[in-house]
Amino acid sequence: MLSKRVWKSLSEKGYIMGQTHIIECSRCGGLLLAAEGKKSRTCPYCGARIDAKTARKLASAEDAFTASEVLRELKKQKGFSRPQP
């Protein structure tokens, strides 16, 4: 996983572009990121193939960095967060 500093740097340089959605796996309820235009994703929790276009979208952000921060907060609310070291 990339650090916040690296994400921000890549985003500012234009390497990470476009809207990013936070979607929910219909099988296990896991939350994951999907870039705009992405057709499908594989759930990292249960391995299900998710159609990104029809999946339940919980939020969207202008860039992947912001989306990852929102995702982290949503995971905390759902009880999926890892304890901080």
C-alpha atoms as a PDB file:
ATOM      1  CA  MET A   1       0.000   0.000   0.000  1.00  0.00           C
ATOM      2  CA  LEU A   2       1.303   3.438  -0.906  1.00  0.00           C
ATOM      3  CA  SER A   3       1.776   6.084   1.762  1.00  0.00           C
ATOM      4  CA  LYS A   4      -0.350   9.241   1.790  1.00  0.00           C
ATOM      5  CA  ARG A   5       2.694  11.253   0.715  1.00  0.00           C
ATOM      6  CA  VAL A   6       3.305   9.037  -2.331  1.00  0.00           C
ATOM      7  CA  TRP A   7      -0.396   9.065  -3.317  1.00  0.00           C
ATOM      8  CA  LYS A   8      -0.518  12.836  -3.077  1.00  0.00           C
ATOM      9  CA  SER A   9       2.698  13.229  -5.078  1.00  0.00           C
ATOM     10  CA  LEU A  10       1.490  10.904  -7.853  1.00  0.00           C
ATOM     11  CA  SER A  11      -1.898  12.583  -7.928  1.00  0.00           C
ATOM     12  CA  GLU A  12      -0.397  16.078  -8.169  1.00  0.00           C
ATOM     13  CA  LYS A  13       1.847  14.964 -11.033  1.00  0.00           C
ATOM     14  CA  GLY A  14      -1.176  13.635 -12.914  1.00  0.00           C
ATOM     15  CA  TYR A  15      -0.308   9.939 -12.674  1.00  0.00           C
ATOM     16  CA  ILE A  16      -3.455   9.150 -10.726  1.00  0.00           C
ATOM     17  CA  MET A  17      -6.373  10.771 -12.491  1.00  0.00           C
ATOM     18  CA  GLY A  18     -10.087  10.506 -12.816  1.00  0.00           C
ATOM     19  CA  GLN A  19     -12.921   9.849 -10.475  1.00  0.00           C
ATOM     20  CA  THR A  20     -12.670   6.884  -8.135  1.00  0.00           C
ATOM     21  CA  HIS A  21     -15.700   5.113  -6.669  1.00  0.00           C
ATOM     22  CA  ILE A  22     -16.027   3.191  -3.444  1.00  0.00           C
ATOM     23  CA  ILE A  23     -18.112   0.115  -4.151  1.00  0.00           C
ATOM     24  CA  GLU A  24     -19.495  -2.701  -2.034  1.00  0.00           C
ATOM     25  CA  CYS A  25     -19.131  -6.415  -2.761  1.00  0.00           C
ATOM     26  CA  SER A  26     -22.602  -7.943  -3.152  1.00  0.00           C
ATOM     27  CA  ARG A  27     -21.391 -11.280  -1.760  1.00  0.00           C
ATOM     28  CA  CYS A  28     -19.539 -10.324   1.455  1.00  0.00           C
ATOM     29  CA  GLY A  29     -20.153  -6.585   1.892  1.00  0.00           C
ATOM     30  CA  GLY A  30     -16.461  -5.728   1.592  1.00  0.00           C
ATOM     31  CA  LEU A  31     -15.555  -2.216   0.463  1.00  0.00           C
ATOM     32  CA  LEU A  32     -13.117  -1.487  -2.341  1.00  0.00           C
ATOM     33  CA  LEU A  33     -12.037   1.170  -4.825  1.00  0.00           C
ATOM     34  CA  ALA A  34     -12.916   1.162  -8.516  1.00  0.00           C
ATOM     35  CA  ALA A  35     -11.557   3.703 -10.982  1.00  0.00           C
ATOM     36  CA  GLU A  36     -13.972   5.412 -13.355  1.00  0.00           C
ATOM     37  CA  GLY A  37     -14.386   3.307 -16.479  1.00  0.00           C
ATOM     38  CA  LYS A  38     -13.254   0.079 -14.812  1.00  0.00           C
ATOM     39  CA  LYS A  39     -15.539  -2.772 -15.899  1.00  0.00           C
ATOM     40  CA  SER A  40     -14.973  -5.180 -13.046  1.00  0.00           C
ATOM     41  CA  ARG A  41     -12.999  -5.767  -9.859  1.00  0.00           C
ATOM     42  CA  THR A  42     -12.196  -8.820  -7.781  1.00  0.00           C
ATOM     43  CA  CYS A  43     -13.152  -8.552  -4.127  1.00  0.00           C
ATOM     44  CA  PRO A  44      -9.980  -8.802  -2.018  1.00  0.00           C
ATOM     45  CA  TYR A  45     -11.958 -10.378   0.828  1.00  0.00           C
ATOM     46  CA  CYS A  46     -13.995 -13.173  -0.781  1.00  0.00           C
ATOM     47  CA  GLY A  47     -12.664 -13.363  -4.353  1.00  0.00           C
ATOM     48  CA  ALA A  48     -16.025 -12.587  -5.986  1.00  0.00           C
ATOM     49  CA  ARG A  49     -15.995 -10.889  -9.373  1.00  0.00           C
ATOM     50  CA  ILE A  50     -17.807  -7.543  -9.089  1.00  0.00           C
ATOM     51  CA  ASP A  51     -19.338  -5.677 -12.021  1.00  0.00           C
ATOM     52  CA  ALA A  52     -18.122  -2.165 -11.198  1.00  0.00           C
ATOM     53  CA  LYS A  53     -20.816  -0.510 -13.310  1.00  0.00           C
ATOM     54  CA  THR A  54     -23.740  -2.131 -11.452  1.00  0.00           C
ATOM     55  CA  ALA A  55     -22.181  -2.459  -7.977  1.00  0.00           C
ATOM     56  CA  ARG A  56     -23.566  -0.402  -5.123  1.00  0.00           C
ATOM     57  CA  LYS A  57     -21.568   2.845  -5.026  1.00  0.00           C
ATOM     58  CA  LEU A  58     -21.197   4.228  -1.520  1.00  0.00           C
ATOM     59  CA  ALA A  59     -19.146   7.303  -2.415  1.00  0.00           C
ATOM     60  CA  SER A  60     -17.031   8.892  -5.128  1.00  0.00           C
ATOM     61  CA  ALA A  61     -14.008  11.151  -5.084  1.00  0.00           C
ATOM     62  CA  GLU A  62     -12.135  13.208  -7.663  1.00  0.00           C
ATOM     63  CA  ASP A  63      -8.907  11.263  -7.151  1.00  0.00           C
ATOM     64  CA  ALA A  64      -7.679   7.960  -5.747  1.00  0.00           C
ATOM     65  CA  PHE A  65      -5.932   9.605  -2.791  1.00  0.00           C
ATOM     66  CA  THR A  66      -9.134  11.217  -1.531  1.00  0.00           C
ATOM     67  CA  ALA A  67     -11.118   8.045  -2.246  1.00  0.00           C
ATOM     68  CA  SER A  68      -8.676   5.977  -0.183  1.00  0.00           C
ATOM     69  CA  GLU A  69      -9.152   8.348   2.773  1.00  0.00           C
ATOM     70  CA  VAL A  70     -12.944   8.107   2.451  1.00  0.00           C
ATOM     71  CA  LEU A  71     -12.675   4.313   2.140  1.00  0.00           C
ATOM     72  CA  ARG A  72     -10.627   4.163   5.347  1.00  0.00           C
ATOM     73  CA  GLU A  73     -13.339   6.122   7.193  1.00  0.00           C
ATOM     74  CA  LEU A  74     -16.148   3.948   5.806  1.00  0.00           C
ATOM     75  CA  LYS A  75     -14.273   0.805   6.851  1.00  0.00           C
ATOM     76  CA  LYS A  76     -13.929   2.204  10.382  1.00  0.00           C
ATOM     77  CA  GLN A  77     -17.685   2.826  10.498  1.00  0.00           C
ATOM     78  CA  LYS A  78     -18.378  -0.723   9.306  1.00  0.00           C
ATOM     79  CA  GLY A  79     -15.853  -2.218  11.713  1.00  0.00           C
ATOM     80  CA  PHE A  80     -13.360  -3.348   9.044  1.00  0.00           C
ATOM     81  CA  SER A  81     -10.435  -1.199  10.169  1.00  0.00           C
ATOM     82  CA  ARG A  82      -7.131  -2.603  11.373  1.00  0.00           C
ATOM     83  CA  PRO A  83      -5.773  -1.407  14.697  1.00  0.00           C
ATOM     84  CA  GLN A  84      -3.098   1.276  14.375  1.00  0.00           C
ATOM     85  CA  PRO A  85       0.398   0.212  15.534  1.00  0.00           C
END
